[in-house]
């Protein structure tokens, strides 16, 4: 924008920003809008001048709306991704322990088996002493849970929906919702 040459405090808008002035009629009132005088057409409503207030100053005769803004609904966040399902072994006490590819070794006083040196060791309190010192390993294999008998004294069996399968050292798959018997000590396996 260029400053008006006759008054350095006025600013002249660039060409094309305002409509071109119409030819004045002899009987129409005139209005001062910039450094030029423009005539208002008969029947036209004059546009009020806007003078912005200085920062921190409230303009006079301007209605102020003191009502608080209406409550707006909180933006809906994208739905959280579903929690990744994980396999867990559930003890008779209700405690849950995750089953990982590194394995979970069960026993009265387990030690890490040769095939699973990083296995989580989970001691069970078997008052009947039907659970061996290191009885079995649960491990996540290709997204499924398998249990391996570690040459236990009283064996391992998987029970589900009335069917019971004995487990060998080669292992067996454990379906979701199964009960696994380590000797006479039973634990549950589920996908949580």
Protein backbone atom coordinates (compact mmCIF):
# COMPACT_ATOMS: atom_id res chain seq x y z
CA UNK A 1 0.00 0.00 0.00
CA UNK A 2 1.20 3.47 -0.77
CA UNK A 3 0.93 6.51 1.50
CA UNK A 4 -1.22 9.36 0.30
CA UNK A 5 1.03 12.19 -0.87
CA UNK A 6 -1.22 14.93 0.55
CA UNK A 7 -1.45 13.36 4.03
CA UNK A 8 1.39 11.05 5.14
CA UNK A 9 -0.84 9.46 7.84
CA UNK A 10 -3.43 8.13 5.38
CA UNK A 11 -2.91 4.99 3.40
CA UNK A 12 -4.21 4.61 -0.10
CA UNK A 13 -5.34 1.07 -0.97
CA UNK A 14 -3.74 -0.60 -3.98
CA UNK A 15 -5.58 -0.41 -7.32
CA UNK A 16 -8.36 -2.97 -7.72
CA UNK A 17 -8.95 -3.46 -3.97
CA UNK A 18 -11.93 -1.08 -3.89
CA UNK A 19 -14.64 -0.85 -6.57
CA UNK A 20 -14.19 1.89 -9.12
CA UNK A 21 -15.94 5.14 -8.20
CA UNK A 22 -19.23 5.80 -9.94
CA UNK A 23 -19.97 9.02 -11.67
CA UNK A 24 -21.32 11.42 -9.03
CA UNK A 25 -24.88 12.66 -9.24
CA UNK A 26 -25.33 16.34 -8.57
CA UNK A 27 -27.86 15.85 -5.75
CA UNK A 28 -26.15 12.97 -3.85
CA UNK A 29 -24.33 13.56 -0.55
CA UNK A 30 -20.57 13.23 -0.49
CA UNK A 31 -18.41 11.27 1.94
CA UNK A 32 -14.74 11.50 2.73
CA UNK A 33 -13.31 7.93 2.52
CA UNK A 34 -9.68 8.64 1.76
CA UNK A 35 -7.85 11.52 0.25
CA UNK A 36 -10.47 11.56 -2.51
CA UNK A 37 -14.07 12.59 -2.12
CA UNK A 38 -16.56 9.98 -3.27
CA UNK A 39 -20.23 10.42 -3.65
CA UNK A 40 -22.70 7.91 -2.23
CA UNK A 41 -25.40 6.82 -4.62
CA UNK A 42 -28.98 7.75 -3.62
CA UNK A 43 -30.53 4.94 -1.52
CA UNK A 44 -27.14 3.37 -0.75
CA UNK A 45 -26.21 2.76 2.87
CA UNK A 46 -22.95 4.38 3.87
CA UNK A 47 -20.35 1.96 5.21
CA UNK A 48 -19.20 2.91 8.71
CA UNK A 49 -15.54 3.59 9.16
CA UNK A 50 -13.55 1.11 11.20
CA UNK A 51 -10.89 2.45 13.50
CA UNK A 52 -9.09 -0.32 15.39
CA UNK A 53 -8.45 0.38 19.05
CA UNK A 54 -4.94 0.57 20.35
CA UNK A 55 -3.75 -2.60 22.09
CA UNK A 56 -5.25 -2.88 25.57
CA UNK A 57 -7.94 -0.24 24.85
CA UNK A 58 -11.61 -1.12 24.59
CA UNK A 59 -13.37 0.71 21.81
CA UNK A 60 -16.18 3.04 22.93
CA UNK A 61 -19.82 2.28 22.08
CA UNK A 62 -18.99 -1.29 21.09
CA UNK A 63 -21.21 -3.91 22.73
CA UNK A 64 -19.18 -6.42 24.69
CA UNK A 65 -20.42 -9.99 25.03
CA UNK A 66 -19.56 -11.11 28.55
CA UNK A 67 -21.27 -14.50 28.27
CA UNK A 68 -18.87 -17.44 28.40
CA UNK A 69 -18.51 -19.41 25.20
CA UNK A 70 -20.85 -22.35 24.87
CA UNK A 71 -19.45 -25.70 25.82
CA UNK A 72 -18.15 -27.46 22.80
CA UNK A 73 -17.82 -31.16 22.51
CA UNK A 74 -14.32 -32.38 23.06
CA UNK A 75 -12.70 -33.42 19.81
CA UNK A 76 -13.01 -37.11 19.25
CA UNK A 77 -9.59 -38.63 19.30
CA UNK A 78 -8.84 -41.44 16.97
CA UNK A 79 -9.91 -44.67 18.53
CA UNK A 80 -7.04 -46.26 20.39
CA UNK A 81 -5.66 -49.24 18.60
CA UNK A 82 -6.89 -52.44 20.13
CA UNK A 83 -4.56 -53.77 22.75
CA UNK A 84 -2.36 -56.48 21.40
CA UNK A 85 -3.52 -59.84 22.65
CA UNK A 86 -1.04 -61.81 24.64
CA UNK A 87 -0.95 -65.33 25.96
CA UNK A 88 -0.95 -65.77 29.71
CA UNK A 89 -0.76 -68.64 32.14
CA UNK A 90 -3.23 -68.29 35.02
CA UNK A 91 -2.30 -69.75 38.40
CA UNK A 92 -4.95 -71.10 40.82
CA UNK A 93 -4.52 -67.85 42.83
CA UNK A 94 -5.65 -65.86 39.75
CA UNK A 95 -2.18 -64.40 39.10
CA UNK A 96 -1.38 -64.12 35.40
CA UNK A 97 2.07 -64.45 33.84
CA UNK A 98 2.80 -63.66 30.18
CA UNK A 99 4.04 -66.43 27.95
CA UNK A 100 6.84 -65.32 25.62
CA UNK A 101 9.07 -66.89 22.99
CA UNK A 102 11.82 -67.06 25.65
CA UNK A 103 9.55 -69.39 27.63
CA UNK A 104 8.21 -69.76 31.16
CA UNK A 105 9.73 -72.64 33.16
CA UNK A 106 7.49 -74.13 35.86
CA UNK A 107 8.53 -76.16 38.84
CA UNK A 108 8.88 -76.25 42.61
CA UNK A 109 12.35 -74.66 42.28
CA UNK A 110 12.95 -74.26 38.53
CA UNK A 111 16.18 -73.54 36.73
CA UNK A 112 16.55 -72.40 33.12
CA UNK A 113 16.29 -75.41 30.79
CA UNK A 114 18.98 -75.93 28.13
CA UNK A 115 16.64 -75.07 25.24
CA UNK A 116 15.32 -71.93 26.97
CA UNK A 117 18.22 -70.19 28.74
CA UNK A 118 16.27 -66.88 28.91
CA UNK A 119 13.07 -68.45 30.27
CA UNK A 120 11.19 -66.77 33.09
CA UNK A 121 11.36 -69.02 36.15
CA UNK A 122 8.04 -69.51 37.91
CA UNK A 123 8.00 -71.38 41.20
CA UNK A 124 4.75 -73.05 42.19
CA UNK A 125 3.70 -74.01 45.68
CA UNK A 126 2.63 -77.62 45.25
CA UNK A 127 1.88 -79.06 48.69
CA UNK A 128 1.30 -82.52 47.18
CA UNK A 129 4.80 -82.42 45.65
CA UNK A 130 3.50 -83.74 42.32
CA UNK A 131 5.42 -81.00 40.47
CA UNK A 132 9.07 -81.71 39.69
CA UNK A 133 11.85 -79.25 40.48
CA UNK A 134 11.82 -78.04 36.84
CA UNK A 135 8.67 -79.64 35.45
CA UNK A 136 7.72 -78.01 32.12
CA UNK A 137 8.16 -75.00 29.84
CA UNK A 138 5.46 -72.93 28.19
CA UNK A 139 6.73 -71.11 25.08
CA UNK A 140 5.23 -68.96 22.35
CA UNK A 141 5.99 -70.61 19.00
CA UNK A 142 4.70 -68.99 15.77
CA UNK A 143 1.92 -67.19 17.65
CA UNK A 144 0.68 -70.32 19.44
CA UNK A 145 1.48 -71.61 22.91
CA UNK A 146 3.24 -74.93 23.23
CA UNK A 147 4.14 -76.78 26.39
CA UNK A 148 7.13 -79.09 26.71
CA UNK A 149 7.50 -81.73 29.42
CA UNK A 150 11.04 -81.61 30.83
CA UNK A 151 11.13 -85.30 31.75
CA UNK A 152 9.00 -84.65 34.82
CA UNK A 153 8.17 -87.43 37.28
CA UNK A 154 4.38 -87.04 37.15
CA UNK A 155 3.90 -85.80 33.57
CA UNK A 156 1.99 -83.03 31.84
CA UNK A 157 -1.47 -83.12 30.26
CA UNK A 158 -3.59 -80.57 28.38
CA UNK A 159 -7.35 -80.66 28.98
CA UNK A 160 -9.97 -78.79 26.98
CA UNK A 161 -13.67 -79.41 26.48
CA UNK A 162 -13.50 -82.89 27.99
CA UNK A 163 -10.50 -84.03 25.90
CA UNK A 164 -7.21 -84.77 27.68
CA UNK A 165 -3.88 -85.02 25.86
CA UNK A 166 -0.64 -86.22 27.42
CA UNK A 167 2.38 -84.06 26.62
CA UNK A 168 5.81 -85.40 25.76
CA UNK A 169 9.21 -83.77 25.55
CA UNK A 170 8.36 -82.99 21.89
CA UNK A 171 5.65 -80.68 23.20
CA UNK A 172 2.02 -80.05 22.40
CA UNK A 173 -0.04 -77.04 21.40
CA UNK A 174 -2.13 -75.47 24.14
CA UNK A 175 -5.41 -73.98 22.81
CA UNK A 176 -6.96 -70.88 24.34
CA UNK A 177 -9.00 -71.74 27.44
CA UNK A 178 -7.15 -74.98 28.17
CA UNK A 179 -6.23 -76.37 31.57
CA UNK A 180 -2.73 -77.73 31.88
CA UNK A 181 -1.99 -80.34 34.55
CA UNK A 182 1.55 -80.37 35.91
CA UNK A 183 1.30 -83.54 37.98
CA UNK A 184 -1.79 -82.74 40.07
CA UNK A 185 -1.21 -78.97 39.97
CA UNK A 186 -3.47 -77.29 37.36
CA UNK A 187 -3.01 -73.94 35.62
CA UNK A 188 -5.06 -72.23 32.90
CA UNK A 189 -3.87 -70.83 29.59
CA UNK A 190 -5.71 -68.09 27.75
CA UNK A 191 -5.28 -65.44 25.13
CA UNK A 192 -5.96 -62.20 26.98
